[in-house]
Amino acid sequence: MMITRKLIPTMICAVVLFGWVPAVLAQDVQGSKDHSLISRYPGSTIAEYRQKAFDEFELPLSPVADGKYAKTQHLEGKVTGIYYTTPEGRSALEVSRNYESALKNAGFETLFNCAKTCGDAPPLGSVPLDECCGNYGNARYLAAKLSRDSGDAYVALWVYDGGSDIKTFLVVAEIKPMESGLVTVNAASLASDITRTGHASVYGIYFDTGKADVKPESDATLKEIAKLLQQDPRLKLYVVGHTDNVGTLASNMDLSKRRGDAVLAVLSTKYNVAAARLTAAGDGPTAPVASNDSEDGRAKNRRVELVKQ
């Protein structure tokens, strides 16, 4: 996805400028720079900077309660943390609204935000910045996501009102693109699972979020399913779509059934499996294999099950 933005010199109009990196100010800490996706609020300086090519980060998606977040999303990839000091005379509201508006205009989706009701200070070590985030009760927080072909980008932004000064804490996590074309299952392992338990969980069939179109990187796994059916001509299967619990029950039940239908269609048309040997179904979120309270658990629940008829 290509994002182009018209550069507007007015201070309050363009905080996030994609493809534009301002000159590093003399007061910035050595070795620091603005992130290539997100510029600083004009006049700010970098007081702390951390970047790792591959790391993990728990993106907060809820207020802090009893010293922990009720909801987070586990992210892995390139993680950058920047602490900015903001010029005098500006308010936390002004700074945060500029970031919020610019992120929205650039295509970011807001996942969670709060202002002055965000709970206590973040758990120790939860943010890759030593100074973050002071008295969290006086902070404005925003979590946002940008979907892109090269790997989704997530932003966590705290704007802290210290009274005499405004501090901005920014974390950008860029998800490392998945290497496609890898066989995650094979016919032998599928046959073993079905013989042993009557069903097999398949995680190598991919869909875009909320959609039922089978993605091309699913081919390697679909070939193994076709091979399984070729090796046992008597085998008949239910092809059952499963989702996590994000969204309504009705929408997830519909989506999971449509995904089962889509897999059946690809197997019968592209891989010459007799349609009579397959029956599509959808269980939505009603048969989880892990807790939906974490992203890891939700990922395990988003699957296709092959069930022996």
Protein backbone atom coordinates (compact mmCIF):
# COMPACT_ATOMS: atom_id res chain seq x y z
CA MET A 1 0.00 0.00 0.00
CA MET A 2 1.46 3.36 -1.03
CA ILE A 3 0.62 6.36 1.14
CA THR A 4 1.24 9.85 -0.14
CA ARG A 5 0.67 12.98 1.90
CA LYS A 6 0.75 16.67 1.09
CA LEU A 7 3.25 18.38 3.35
CA ILE A 8 1.66 21.31 5.16
CA PRO A 9 4.05 23.60 7.03
CA THR A 10 1.49 24.70 9.62
CA MET A 11 2.47 23.23 13.00
CA ILE A 12 -0.91 21.88 14.03
CA CYS A 13 -1.74 20.28 10.68
CA ALA A 14 0.97 17.72 10.08
CA VAL A 15 2.53 15.77 12.90
CA VAL A 16 2.71 12.40 11.15
CA LEU A 17 4.24 12.70 7.71
CA PHE A 18 4.78 9.44 5.85
CA GLY A 19 7.89 9.25 3.72
CA TRP A 20 9.33 12.43 5.29
CA VAL A 21 11.95 12.44 8.04
CA PRO A 22 12.87 15.84 9.53
CA ALA A 23 16.45 16.80 10.20
CA VAL A 24 17.75 15.53 13.54
CA LEU A 25 17.96 18.32 16.05
CA ALA A 26 21.21 19.03 17.87
CA GLN A 27 19.60 18.37 21.24
CA ASP A 28 18.58 14.80 20.35
CA VAL A 29 20.37 11.98 22.16
CA GLN A 30 23.22 10.49 20.17
CA GLY A 31 22.23 7.85 17.63
CA SER A 32 18.52 8.69 17.74
CA LYS A 33 16.16 9.63 14.92
CA ASP A 34 12.47 9.91 14.15
CA HIS A 35 10.77 6.77 12.95
CA SER A 36 10.42 6.60 9.18
CA LEU A 37 6.62 6.33 9.55
CA ILE A 38 6.01 8.98 12.18
CA SER A 39 7.65 12.37 12.65
CA ARG A 40 7.91 14.31 15.88
CA TYR A 41 5.62 17.08 17.02
CA PRO A 42 7.39 20.24 15.74
CA GLY A 43 9.93 21.60 18.20
CA SER A 44 10.22 18.36 20.18
CA THR A 45 13.56 16.71 21.00
CA ILE A 46 14.45 13.08 21.56
CA ALA A 47 15.42 12.36 25.16
CA GLU A 48 15.58 8.55 24.89
CA TYR A 49 15.75 6.15 21.97
CA ARG A 50 15.66 2.35 21.67
CA GLN A 51 15.40 0.15 18.59
CA LYS A 52 15.75 -3.59 18.06
CA ALA A 53 15.56 -5.32 14.69
CA PHE A 54 13.50 -8.15 16.16
CA ASP A 55 11.86 -8.08 19.56
CA GLU A 56 8.48 -8.57 21.21
CA PHE A 57 6.04 -6.01 22.59
CA GLU A 58 2.73 -6.33 24.42
CA LEU A 59 0.53 -3.63 22.92
CA PRO A 60 -1.78 -2.28 25.65
CA LEU A 61 -5.45 -2.43 24.68
CA SER A 62 -7.02 -1.60 28.05
CA PRO A 63 -6.47 0.57 31.12
CA VAL A 64 -4.09 -0.57 33.85
CA ALA A 65 -5.79 -2.25 36.83
CA ASP A 66 -4.08 -3.92 39.79
CA GLY A 67 -0.70 -3.36 38.18
CA LYS A 68 -1.43 -5.07 34.87
CA TYR A 69 -3.30 -4.66 31.61
CA ALA A 70 -6.57 -6.54 31.23
CA LYS A 71 -5.99 -6.85 27.49
CA THR A 72 -2.89 -6.74 25.30
CA GLN A 73 -1.85 -7.92 21.84
CA HIS A 74 1.44 -9.76 21.53
CA LEU A 75 3.58 -8.39 18.70
CA GLU A 76 6.90 -9.57 17.29
CA GLY A 77 9.10 -7.73 14.82
CA LYS A 78 11.10 -4.52 14.64
CA VAL A 79 10.39 -2.48 17.78
CA THR A 80 11.29 1.21 18.15
CA GLY A 81 10.79 3.30 21.30
CA ILE A 82 11.18 7.08 21.36
CA TYR A 83 10.73 9.56 24.23
CA TYR A 84 10.17 13.15 23.11
CA THR A 85 10.19 16.29 25.21
CA THR A 86 7.62 18.74 23.86
CA PRO A 87 8.13 22.53 23.47
CA GLU A 88 6.74 24.81 26.16
CA GLY A 89 3.34 26.34 25.73
CA ARG A 90 1.69 23.27 24.22
CA SER A 91 -0.91 21.05 25.88
CA ALA A 92 -1.14 17.28 26.03
CA LEU A 93 -4.53 17.56 24.35
CA GLU A 94 -3.09 19.50 21.40
CA VAL A 95 -0.19 17.08 20.89
CA SER A 96 -2.29 13.93 21.19
CA ARG A 97 -5.05 15.25 18.92
CA ASN A 98 -2.46 16.10 16.24
CA TYR A 99 -1.08 12.56 16.34
CA GLU A 100 -4.55 11.03 16.41
CA SER A 101 -5.73 13.06 13.41
CA ALA A 102 -2.59 12.43 11.36
CA LEU A 103 -2.61 8.70 12.07
CA LYS A 104 -6.24 8.47 11.02
CA ASN A 105 -5.57 10.39 7.81
CA ALA A 106 -2.67 8.07 7.02
CA GLY A 107 -4.88 4.97 7.21
CA PHE A 108 -4.26 3.81 10.79
CA GLU A 109 -7.13 2.10 12.59
CA THR A 110 -7.64 3.06 16.24
CA LEU A 111 -7.63 -0.06 18.41
CA PHE A 112 -7.96 1.59 21.84
CA ASN A 113 -7.65 5.02 23.43
CA CYS A 114 -8.18 6.62 26.80
CA ALA A 115 -7.62 9.98 28.47
CA LYS A 116 -7.09 10.51 32.21
CA THR A 117 -8.96 7.25 32.90
CA CYS A 118 -6.13 4.94 31.90
CA GLY A 119 -5.45 3.57 35.37
CA ASP A 120 -2.16 3.40 37.22
CA ALA A 121 1.41 3.49 35.92
CA PRO A 122 2.18 0.79 33.32
CA PRO A 123 3.70 -2.44 34.64
CA LEU A 124 7.47 -2.28 35.05
CA GLY A 125 9.26 -3.33 31.89
CA SER A 126 6.14 -3.29 29.72
CA VAL A 127 7.45 -0.43 27.56
CA PRO A 128 10.93 -0.34 25.94
CA LEU A 129 11.63 3.10 27.43
CA ASP A 130 13.06 3.70 30.89
CA GLU A 131 11.18 6.94 31.55
CA CYS A 132 7.73 5.90 30.34
CA CYS A 133 5.23 7.03 31.47
CA GLY A 134 5.18 8.83 34.83
CA ASN A 135 1.80 9.35 36.44
CA TYR A 136 -0.33 7.40 34.03
CA GLY A 137 -3.50 9.00 35.36
CA ASN A 138 -2.51 12.24 33.63
CA ALA A 139 -1.76 10.61 30.28
CA ARG A 140 -3.59 10.33 27.00
CA TYR A 141 -3.04 6.97 25.31
CA LEU A 142 -3.67 5.69 21.80
CA ALA A 143 -3.10 2.28 20.18
CA ALA A 144 -3.42 2.08 16.39
CA LYS A 145 -2.74 -0.31 13.51
CA LEU A 146 -1.74 0.18 9.87
CA SER A 147 -2.37 -2.80 7.59
CA ARG A 148 0.20 -3.11 4.82
CA ASP A 149 1.58 -5.78 2.51
CA SER A 150 5.11 -5.56 3.93
CA GLY A 151 3.85 -6.34 7.46
CA ASP A 152 1.39 -4.52 9.70
CA ALA A 153 2.64 -1.60 11.81
CA TYR A 154 1.33 -0.87 15.31
CA VAL A 155 1.67 2.34 17.30
CA ALA A 156 1.43 2.89 21.05
CA LEU A 157 1.41 6.58 21.99
CA TRP A 158 1.38 8.12 25.44
CA VAL A 159 1.20 11.90 25.85
CA TYR A 160 1.88 12.70 29.50
CA ASP A 161 0.87 16.01 31.10
CA GLY A 162 3.38 16.71 33.83
CA GLY A 163 2.03 20.17 34.51
CA SER A 164 5.20 22.10 33.74
CA ASP A 165 6.15 19.89 30.79
CA ILE A 166 4.58 17.60 28.20
CA LYS A 167 6.25 14.27 27.40
CA THR A 168 5.48 12.05 24.43
CA PHE A 169 6.31 8.34 24.49
CA LEU A 170 6.06 6.47 21.21
CA VAL A 171 6.46 2.76 20.45
CA VAL A 172 6.27 1.47 16.87
CA ALA A 173 6.15 -2.29 16.28
CA GLU A 174 6.53 -3.43 12.68
CA ILE A 175 5.45 -7.03 12.25
CA LYS A 176 7.96 -9.16 10.42
CA PRO A 177 6.30 -10.48 7.26
CA MET A 178 5.44 -14.13 7.36
CA GLU A 179 7.49 -16.30 5.04
CA SER A 180 4.95 -17.82 2.72
CA GLY A 181 4.98 -21.11 0.85
CA LEU A 182 5.97 -23.22 3.85
CA VAL A 183 4.22 -26.55 4.38
CA THR A 184 2.80 -26.42 7.90
CA VAL A 185 1.16 -29.85 7.66
CA ASN A 186 1.64 -32.96 5.56
CA ALA A 187 -0.65 -35.77 4.51
CA ALA A 188 0.95 -38.26 6.91
CA SER A 189 0.46 -36.04 9.98
CA LEU A 190 -3.14 -35.28 8.98
CA ALA A 191 -3.87 -38.99 8.56
CA SER A 192 -2.30 -39.74 11.93
CA ASP A 193 -4.39 -37.09 13.73
CA ILE A 194 -7.61 -38.21 12.07
CA THR A 195 -6.94 -41.88 12.90
CA ARG A 196 -6.08 -41.03 16.49
CA THR A 197 -8.71 -38.39 17.34
CA GLY A 198 -11.15 -38.29 14.42
CA HIS A 199 -10.12 -34.79 13.41
CA ALA A 200 -7.11 -32.64 12.52
CA SER A 201 -6.51 -28.91 13.12
CA VAL A 202 -5.10 -27.07 10.11
CA TYR A 203 -3.34 -23.70 10.46
CA GLY A 204 -1.84 -23.40 6.97
CA ILE A 205 -4.97 -22.07 5.28
CA TYR A 206 -4.97 -18.27 5.25
CA PHE A 207 -7.66 -15.61 4.97
CA ASP A 208 -7.66 -11.86 5.33
CA THR A 209 -9.35 -10.58 8.50
CA GLY A 210 -13.12 -10.82 8.21
CA LYS A 211 -12.99 -12.38 4.74
CA ALA A 212 -13.51 -15.88 3.33
CA ASP A 213 -11.29 -15.81 0.24
CA VAL A 214 -8.55 -18.44 0.46
CA LYS A 215 -5.17 -16.74 0.02
CA PRO A 216 -2.57 -18.09 -2.46
CA GLU A 217 -0.06 -18.92 0.29
CA SER A 218 -2.48 -21.67 1.39
CA ASP A 219 -1.61 -23.80 -1.66
CA ALA A 220 1.06 -25.94 -0.01
CA THR A 221 -1.33 -27.00 2.76
CA LEU A 222 -4.25 -27.59 0.39
CA LYS A 223 -2.06 -29.87 -1.73
CA GLU A 224 -1.37 -31.99 1.36
CA ILE A 225 -5.10 -32.25 2.13
CA ALA A 226 -5.74 -33.34 -1.46
CA LYS A 227 -2.94 -35.89 -1.13
CA LEU A 228 -4.52 -37.22 2.07
CA LEU A 229 -7.82 -37.79 0.24
CA GLN A 230 -6.08 -39.38 -2.74
CA GLN A 231 -4.29 -41.86 -0.48
CA ASP A 232 -7.54 -42.96 1.18
CA PRO A 233 -10.36 -43.03 -1.44
CA ARG A 234 -12.92 -44.02 1.21
CA LEU A 235 -12.25 -41.02 3.45
CA LYS A 236 -14.94 -38.36 3.67
CA LEU A 237 -14.43 -35.14 5.64
CA TYR A 238 -16.30 -32.29 7.22
CA VAL A 239 -14.37 -29.09 6.45
CA VAL A 240 -15.13 -26.89 9.45
CA GLY A 241 -14.19 -23.23 9.76
CA HIS A 242 -13.43 -21.80 13.20
CA THR A 243 -12.93 -18.19 14.37
CA ASP A 244 -11.93 -16.39 17.53
CA ASN A 245 -14.56 -14.51 19.57
CA VAL A 246 -13.82 -11.01 18.23
CA GLY A 247 -17.08 -9.61 16.83
CA THR A 248 -20.61 -10.88 17.18
CA LEU A 249 -21.52 -14.55 17.39
CA ALA A 250 -23.73 -14.27 14.31
CA SER A 251 -21.01 -12.71 12.16
CA ASN A 252 -18.42 -15.28 13.29
CA MET A 253 -20.75 -18.20 12.64
CA ASP A 254 -21.44 -16.87 9.15
CA LEU A 255 -17.75 -16.19 8.46
CA SER A 256 -16.62 -19.63 9.62
CA LYS A 257 -19.21 -21.36 7.41
CA ARG A 258 -18.18 -19.27 4.40
CA ARG A 259 -14.55 -20.18 5.01
CA GLY A 260 -15.46 -23.88 5.12
CA ASP A 261 -17.33 -23.42 1.84
CA ALA A 262 -14.35 -21.64 0.30
CA VAL A 263 -11.89 -24.39 1.25
CA LEU A 264 -14.26 -27.04 -0.13
CA ALA A 265 -14.57 -25.09 -3.38
CA VAL A 266 -10.81 -24.79 -3.85
CA LEU A 267 -10.23 -28.48 -3.08
CA SER A 268 -12.88 -29.59 -5.56
CA THR A 269 -12.09 -27.16 -8.40
CA LYS A 270 -8.33 -26.71 -8.19
CA TYR A 271 -7.26 -30.05 -6.70
CA ASN A 272 -9.91 -32.32 -8.28
CA VAL A 273 -11.30 -33.67 -5.01
CA ALA A 274 -14.83 -34.99 -5.50
CA ALA A 275 -17.20 -32.53 -3.85
CA ALA A 276 -19.31 -35.44 -2.61
CA ARG A 277 -16.47 -36.42 -0.25
CA LEU A 278 -16.54 -33.05 1.52
CA THR A 279 -19.15 -31.23 3.60
CA ALA A 280 -18.54 -27.65 4.70
CA ALA A 281 -19.54 -26.38 8.14
CA GLY A 282 -18.72 -23.54 10.51
CA ASP A 283 -18.48 -23.53 14.30
CA GLY A 284 -17.47 -19.88 14.73
CA PRO A 285 -16.02 -19.37 18.22
CA THR A 286 -18.01 -22.17 19.90
CA ALA A 287 -15.23 -24.77 19.98
CA PRO A 288 -12.02 -22.99 21.06
CA VAL A 289 -8.77 -24.87 21.60
CA ALA A 290 -7.24 -21.99 23.62
CA SER A 291 -8.35 -18.96 25.62
CA ASN A 292 -9.56 -16.00 23.57
CA ASP A 293 -8.16 -13.62 26.21
CA SER A 294 -4.79 -13.38 24.45
CA GLU A 295 -3.73 -12.88 20.83
CA ASP A 296 -1.82 -16.17 20.89
CA GLY A 297 -4.97 -17.96 21.98
CA ARG A 298 -7.12 -16.23 19.40
CA ALA A 299 -4.63 -17.19 16.68
CA LYS A 300 -4.92 -20.86 17.68
CA ASN A 301 -8.70 -20.65 17.53
CA ARG A 302 -8.66 -19.27 13.97
CA ARG A 303 -8.29 -22.55 12.09
CA VAL A 304 -9.87 -25.11 9.78
CA GLU A 305 -10.72 -28.53 11.18
CA LEU A 306 -10.86 -31.68 9.08
CA VAL A 307 -13.34 -34.04 10.77
CA LYS A 308 -13.91 -37.62 9.66
CA GLN A 309 -17.49 -38.28 8.60
